[in-house]
Amino acid sequence: MEPSKVMDYARALFEAHGDKAEAEAAQKAATLEAQGEAAQADTWRKVQAAIKEMRAPHQG
């Protein structure tokens, strides 16, 4: 998945689930991994990382 699409998914998930979004993405990744869907699981891990980055306090 393109990086811009990952960010779109991450934003949408964060808007829909707030502080629970990162856990939702992690759960989706774990479920897909358990089902043998490694490529899709990797995409959801990227979404999870993007959410984590969005939640990080911005310094400046």
N, C-alpha and C. Protein backbone atom coordinates (compact mmCIF):
# COMPACT_ATOMS: atom_id res chain seq x y z
N MET A 1 0.84 -1.18 0.00
CA MET A 1 0.00 0.00 0.00
C MET A 1 0.89 1.24 0.00
N GLU A 2 0.46 2.23 -0.73
CA GLU A 2 1.22 3.48 -0.81
C GLU A 2 1.23 4.19 0.54
N PRO A 3 2.34 4.86 0.85
CA PRO A 3 2.42 5.59 2.13
C PRO A 3 1.28 6.58 2.35
N SER A 4 0.83 7.23 1.29
CA SER A 4 -0.27 8.18 1.45
C SER A 4 -1.56 7.47 1.84
N LYS A 5 -1.78 6.28 1.32
CA LYS A 5 -2.96 5.49 1.68
C LYS A 5 -2.87 5.03 3.13
N VAL A 6 -1.66 4.66 3.56
CA VAL A 6 -1.46 4.25 4.96
C VAL A 6 -1.85 5.40 5.87
N MET A 7 -1.41 6.60 5.54
CA MET A 7 -1.74 7.77 6.36
C MET A 7 -3.25 8.05 6.33
N ASP A 8 -3.88 7.86 5.18
CA ASP A 8 -5.33 8.06 5.09
C ASP A 8 -6.07 7.09 6.02
N TYR A 9 -5.67 5.83 5.98
CA TYR A 9 -6.28 4.82 6.86
C TYR A 9 -6.03 5.17 8.32
N ALA A 10 -4.80 5.58 8.62
CA ALA A 10 -4.44 5.90 10.00
C ALA A 10 -5.28 7.07 10.51
N ARG A 11 -5.41 8.12 9.71
CA ARG A 11 -6.21 9.28 10.10
C ARG A 11 -7.67 8.90 10.33
N ALA A 12 -8.22 8.13 9.39
CA ALA A 12 -9.62 7.73 9.50
C ALA A 12 -9.85 6.87 10.74
N LEU A 13 -8.95 5.94 11.00
CA LEU A 13 -9.08 5.08 12.17
C LEU A 13 -8.95 5.89 13.45
N PHE A 14 -8.02 6.85 13.46
CA PHE A 14 -7.83 7.69 14.64
C PHE A 14 -9.05 8.57 14.89
N GLU A 15 -9.63 9.10 13.82
CA GLU A 15 -10.83 9.93 13.97
C GLU A 15 -12.01 9.11 14.47
N ALA A 16 -12.10 7.86 14.02
CA ALA A 16 -13.22 7.01 14.40
C ALA A 16 -13.07 6.42 15.80
N HIS A 17 -11.83 6.09 16.20
CA HIS A 17 -11.62 5.36 17.45
C HIS A 17 -10.80 6.11 18.49
N GLY A 18 -10.28 7.26 18.15
CA GLY A 18 -9.52 8.06 19.11
C GLY A 18 -8.33 7.29 19.68
N ASP A 19 -8.21 7.31 21.01
CA ASP A 19 -7.07 6.69 21.67
C ASP A 19 -7.00 5.18 21.49
N LYS A 20 -8.09 4.57 21.05
CA LYS A 20 -8.12 3.12 20.86
C LYS A 20 -7.67 2.70 19.45
N ALA A 21 -7.43 3.66 18.59
CA ALA A 21 -7.11 3.37 17.19
C ALA A 21 -5.84 2.54 17.04
N GLU A 22 -4.82 2.87 17.80
CA GLU A 22 -3.55 2.13 17.70
C GLU A 22 -3.76 0.67 18.07
N ALA A 23 -4.51 0.42 19.13
CA ALA A 23 -4.80 -0.95 19.55
C ALA A 23 -5.65 -1.68 18.51
N GLU A 24 -6.58 -0.97 17.89
CA GLU A 24 -7.41 -1.56 16.83
C GLU A 24 -6.54 -2.03 15.67
N ALA A 25 -5.61 -1.18 15.25
CA ALA A 25 -4.72 -1.54 14.14
C ALA A 25 -3.83 -2.72 14.52
N ALA A 26 -3.34 -2.74 15.75
CA ALA A 26 -2.50 -3.85 16.21
C ALA A 26 -3.28 -5.15 16.23
N GLN A 27 -4.52 -5.10 16.69
CA GLN A 27 -5.36 -6.29 16.73
C GLN A 27 -5.64 -6.81 15.32
N LYS A 28 -5.92 -5.91 14.41
CA LYS A 28 -6.17 -6.29 13.01
C LYS A 28 -4.93 -6.95 12.43
N ALA A 29 -3.75 -6.38 12.71
CA ALA A 29 -2.50 -6.96 12.21
C ALA A 29 -2.28 -8.36 12.78
N ALA A 30 -2.51 -8.52 14.07
CA ALA A 30 -2.32 -9.82 14.71
C ALA A 30 -3.28 -10.86 14.16
N THR A 31 -4.51 -10.47 13.94
CA THR A 31 -5.51 -11.39 13.38
C THR A 31 -5.11 -11.84 11.98
N LEU A 32 -4.71 -10.88 11.15
CA LEU A 32 -4.30 -11.21 9.78
C LEU A 32 -3.06 -12.09 9.77
N GLU A 33 -2.13 -11.81 10.66
CA GLU A 33 -0.90 -12.61 10.75
C GLU A 33 -1.25 -14.05 11.14
N ALA A 34 -2.16 -14.21 12.08
CA ALA A 34 -2.59 -15.54 12.51
C ALA A 34 -3.28 -16.30 11.38
N GLN A 35 -3.89 -15.57 10.47
CA GLN A 35 -4.58 -16.18 9.32
C GLN A 35 -3.64 -16.42 8.15
N GLY A 36 -2.35 -16.09 8.34
CA GLY A 36 -1.37 -16.31 7.28
C GLY A 36 -1.34 -15.20 6.24
N GLU A 37 -1.92 -14.08 6.54
CA GLU A 37 -1.96 -12.94 5.62
C GLU A 37 -0.86 -11.95 5.99
N ALA A 38 0.38 -12.35 5.77
CA ALA A 38 1.53 -11.55 6.20
C ALA A 38 1.59 -10.17 5.55
N ALA A 39 1.28 -10.09 4.27
CA ALA A 39 1.37 -8.80 3.58
C ALA A 39 0.33 -7.81 4.13
N GLN A 40 -0.89 -8.29 4.34
CA GLN A 40 -1.92 -7.41 4.90
C GLN A 40 -1.61 -7.05 6.34
N ALA A 41 -1.05 -8.00 7.09
CA ALA A 41 -0.66 -7.71 8.47
C ALA A 41 0.41 -6.62 8.50
N ASP A 42 1.35 -6.69 7.58
CA ASP A 42 2.40 -5.67 7.51
C ASP A 42 1.81 -4.29 7.23
N THR A 43 0.82 -4.24 6.36
CA THR A 43 0.16 -2.97 6.07
C THR A 43 -0.48 -2.40 7.33
N TRP A 44 -1.15 -3.24 8.11
CA TRP A 44 -1.80 -2.78 9.33
C TRP A 44 -0.78 -2.37 10.39
N ARG A 45 0.40 -3.00 10.38
CA ARG A 45 1.47 -2.56 11.30
C ARG A 45 1.96 -1.17 10.90
N LYS A 46 1.98 -0.90 9.61
CA LYS A 46 2.35 0.44 9.14
C LYS A 46 1.29 1.46 9.55
N VAL A 47 0.03 1.06 9.47
CA VAL A 47 -1.05 1.94 9.93
C VAL A 47 -0.89 2.20 11.42
N GLN A 48 -0.60 1.16 12.17
CA GLN A 48 -0.39 1.29 13.61
C GLN A 48 0.74 2.27 13.90
N ALA A 49 1.85 2.13 13.18
CA ALA A 49 3.00 3.02 13.38
C ALA A 49 2.64 4.47 13.04
N ALA A 50 1.85 4.65 12.00
CA ALA A 50 1.43 6.01 11.61
C ALA A 50 0.55 6.63 12.70
N ILE A 51 -0.33 5.83 13.28
CA ILE A 51 -1.17 6.33 14.37
C ILE A 51 -0.31 6.70 15.57
N LYS A 52 0.64 5.85 15.88
CA LYS A 52 1.54 6.13 17.01
C LYS A 52 2.28 7.45 16.77
N GLU A 53 2.71 7.66 15.54
CA GLU A 53 3.42 8.90 15.20
C GLU A 53 2.49 10.11 15.34
N MET A 54 1.25 9.95 14.93
CA MET A 54 0.28 11.06 15.03
C MET A 54 0.00 11.40 16.50
N ARG A 55 0.00 10.40 17.34
CA ARG A 55 -0.30 10.61 18.77
C ARG A 55 0.88 11.18 19.53
N ALA A 56 2.09 11.06 18.99
CA ALA A 56 3.28 11.53 19.69
C ALA A 56 3.21 13.04 19.91
N PRO A 57 3.62 13.49 21.08
CA PRO A 57 3.60 14.94 21.32
C PRO A 57 4.56 15.65 20.37
N HIS A 58 4.08 16.72 19.81
CA HIS A 58 4.90 17.50 18.88
C HIS A 58 5.70 18.53 19.65
N GLN A 59 6.99 18.55 19.38
CA GLN A 59 7.87 19.52 20.03
C GLN A 59 8.16 20.64 19.07
N GLY A 60 8.29 21.81 19.58
CA GLY A 60 8.64 22.88 18.68
C GLY A 60 8.24 24.15 19.25
